[in-house]
């Protein structure tokens, strides 16, 4: 019996490597969105991390016909009223980088006392098996 395929709904090579490591002893072959050139980029227009992850997993599973796993992460900074939340990756604009996002976040937190600087990462992961 051949291994089942799991498609990670991401083109992030680090995430793919991590998933391969996690299931190394299990009967799964790991692929990524990169292995399906026609797979459309999924617009993350949900209002929650679970909503975005669900959308990515459902679309990927439907397109590939394989098990799909997707994730989404939110960063909630208490002193900023919960911002940037699900918009963390593009917080500083459409050409955002980790560096530009951090720069903007630190600028916005400049006058916040250190004992009030609290943040929370929330990650949601969704697995969809089209069978």
Protein backbone atom coordinates (compact mmCIF):
# COMPACT_ATOMS: atom_id res chain seq x y z
CA UNK A 1 0.00 0.00 0.00
CA UNK A 2 1.40 3.40 -0.92
CA UNK A 3 1.63 6.33 1.42
CA UNK A 4 -1.21 8.85 1.55
CA UNK A 5 -0.31 12.35 0.45
CA UNK A 6 -0.68 15.37 2.69
CA UNK A 7 -0.48 18.74 0.98
CA UNK A 8 0.62 21.61 3.14
CA UNK A 9 -1.32 24.65 1.93
CA UNK A 10 1.80 26.77 2.02
CA UNK A 11 4.82 27.54 -0.11
CA UNK A 12 6.93 28.10 3.01
CA UNK A 13 9.85 25.65 2.79
CA UNK A 14 10.46 25.80 6.56
CA UNK A 15 6.89 24.74 7.30
CA UNK A 16 7.16 21.88 4.81
CA UNK A 17 10.40 20.66 6.43
CA UNK A 18 8.81 20.86 9.90
CA UNK A 19 5.78 18.85 8.81
CA UNK A 20 8.00 16.24 7.17
CA UNK A 21 9.92 15.92 10.43
CA UNK A 22 6.68 15.57 12.42
CA UNK A 23 5.34 12.69 10.33
CA UNK A 24 8.67 11.03 9.46
CA UNK A 25 7.62 7.71 11.00
CA UNK A 26 4.08 7.74 9.63
CA UNK A 27 2.81 6.52 6.23
CA UNK A 28 2.47 9.93 4.60
CA UNK A 29 4.17 11.68 1.72
CA UNK A 30 4.36 15.43 2.31
CA UNK A 31 3.89 17.86 -0.54
CA UNK A 32 3.35 21.60 -0.56
CA UNK A 33 1.40 24.11 -2.59
CA UNK A 34 4.65 24.53 -4.51
CA UNK A 35 4.16 21.02 -5.94
CA UNK A 36 0.86 22.11 -7.54
CA UNK A 37 1.72 25.05 -9.85
CA UNK A 38 -1.93 25.63 -10.80
CA UNK A 39 -3.11 25.83 -7.19
CA UNK A 40 -4.46 29.34 -6.77
CA UNK A 41 -3.23 31.62 -4.01
CA UNK A 42 -5.99 31.63 -1.41
CA UNK A 43 -7.18 35.06 -0.37
CA UNK A 44 -7.16 35.18 3.41
CA UNK A 45 -10.28 37.28 3.83
CA UNK A 46 -11.61 35.61 6.95
CA UNK A 47 -12.07 37.47 10.20
CA UNK A 48 -10.30 34.84 12.33
CA UNK A 49 -7.22 32.64 12.13
CA UNK A 50 -9.44 29.53 12.10
CA UNK A 51 -11.50 31.01 9.26
CA UNK A 52 -8.42 31.68 7.14
CA UNK A 53 -6.90 28.27 7.86
CA UNK A 54 -10.18 26.55 7.01
CA UNK A 55 -10.48 28.40 3.71
CA UNK A 56 -6.92 27.47 2.71
CA UNK A 57 -7.34 23.80 3.68
CA UNK A 58 -10.70 23.38 1.93
CA UNK A 59 -9.53 24.99 -1.32
CA UNK A 60 -6.26 23.04 -1.31
CA UNK A 61 -7.97 19.69 -0.65
CA UNK A 62 -10.57 20.36 -3.33
CA UNK A 63 -7.93 21.31 -5.90
CA UNK A 64 -5.41 18.55 -5.13
CA UNK A 65 -7.80 15.76 -4.14
CA UNK A 66 -5.49 14.98 -1.23
CA UNK A 67 -5.46 15.58 2.51
CA UNK A 68 -4.65 19.24 3.08
CA UNK A 69 -3.31 20.97 6.16
CA UNK A 70 -3.37 24.74 6.50
CA UNK A 71 -2.59 27.16 9.28
CA UNK A 72 -2.95 30.82 10.10
CA UNK A 73 -1.50 32.83 12.93
CA UNK A 74 -2.67 36.01 14.63
CA UNK A 75 -0.66 38.33 16.85
CA UNK A 76 -2.75 40.14 19.44
CA UNK A 77 -1.06 42.99 21.27
CA UNK A 78 -3.11 44.02 24.27
CA UNK A 79 -1.91 47.66 24.37
CA UNK A 80 -2.98 48.04 20.73
CA UNK A 81 -6.51 46.79 21.29
CA UNK A 82 -5.64 43.36 19.92
CA UNK A 83 -3.97 44.62 16.73
CA UNK A 84 -2.53 43.50 14.38
CA UNK A 85 -4.46 40.23 14.93
CA UNK A 86 -4.85 38.22 11.69
CA UNK A 87 -3.20 41.03 9.73
CA UNK A 88 0.21 40.51 11.36
CA UNK A 89 1.94 39.29 8.19
CA UNK A 90 0.87 42.36 6.21
CA UNK A 91 0.66 44.80 9.11
CA UNK A 92 3.00 47.37 7.57
CA UNK A 93 1.44 47.25 4.10
CA UNK A 94 1.19 45.18 0.95
CA UNK A 95 5.00 44.86 0.64
CA UNK A 96 5.44 44.02 4.33
CA UNK A 97 8.46 42.13 5.63
CA UNK A 98 9.14 40.74 9.09
CA UNK A 99 11.42 43.71 9.63
CA UNK A 100 8.95 46.37 8.49
CA UNK A 101 6.18 44.78 10.58
CA UNK A 102 8.40 44.77 13.67
CA UNK A 103 9.48 48.35 13.03
CA UNK A 104 5.86 49.51 12.84
CA UNK A 105 4.88 47.52 15.92
CA UNK A 106 7.78 48.91 17.96
CA UNK A 107 6.96 52.44 16.78
CA UNK A 108 3.36 52.05 17.87
CA UNK A 109 4.51 50.66 21.23
CA UNK A 110 7.08 53.41 21.86
CA UNK A 111 5.15 55.07 24.69
CA UNK A 112 3.73 51.89 26.19
CA UNK A 113 5.39 51.08 29.54
CA UNK A 114 7.32 47.80 29.54
CA UNK A 115 5.00 46.22 32.12
CA UNK A 116 2.07 46.83 29.75
CA UNK A 117 3.73 45.17 26.73
CA UNK A 118 1.88 41.91 26.44
CA UNK A 119 1.15 39.97 23.29
CA UNK A 120 -0.30 36.64 22.37
CA UNK A 121 0.22 34.48 19.28
CA UNK A 122 -2.78 32.42 18.27
CA UNK A 123 -2.30 29.71 15.66
CA UNK A 124 -5.05 27.66 14.10
CA UNK A 125 -4.45 24.54 12.02
CA UNK A 126 -7.04 22.73 9.95
CA UNK A 127 -6.85 19.32 8.28
CA UNK A 128 -9.30 18.45 5.48
CA UNK A 129 -9.52 14.95 4.02
CA UNK A 130 -11.51 15.06 0.77
CA UNK A 131 -12.33 11.37 1.04
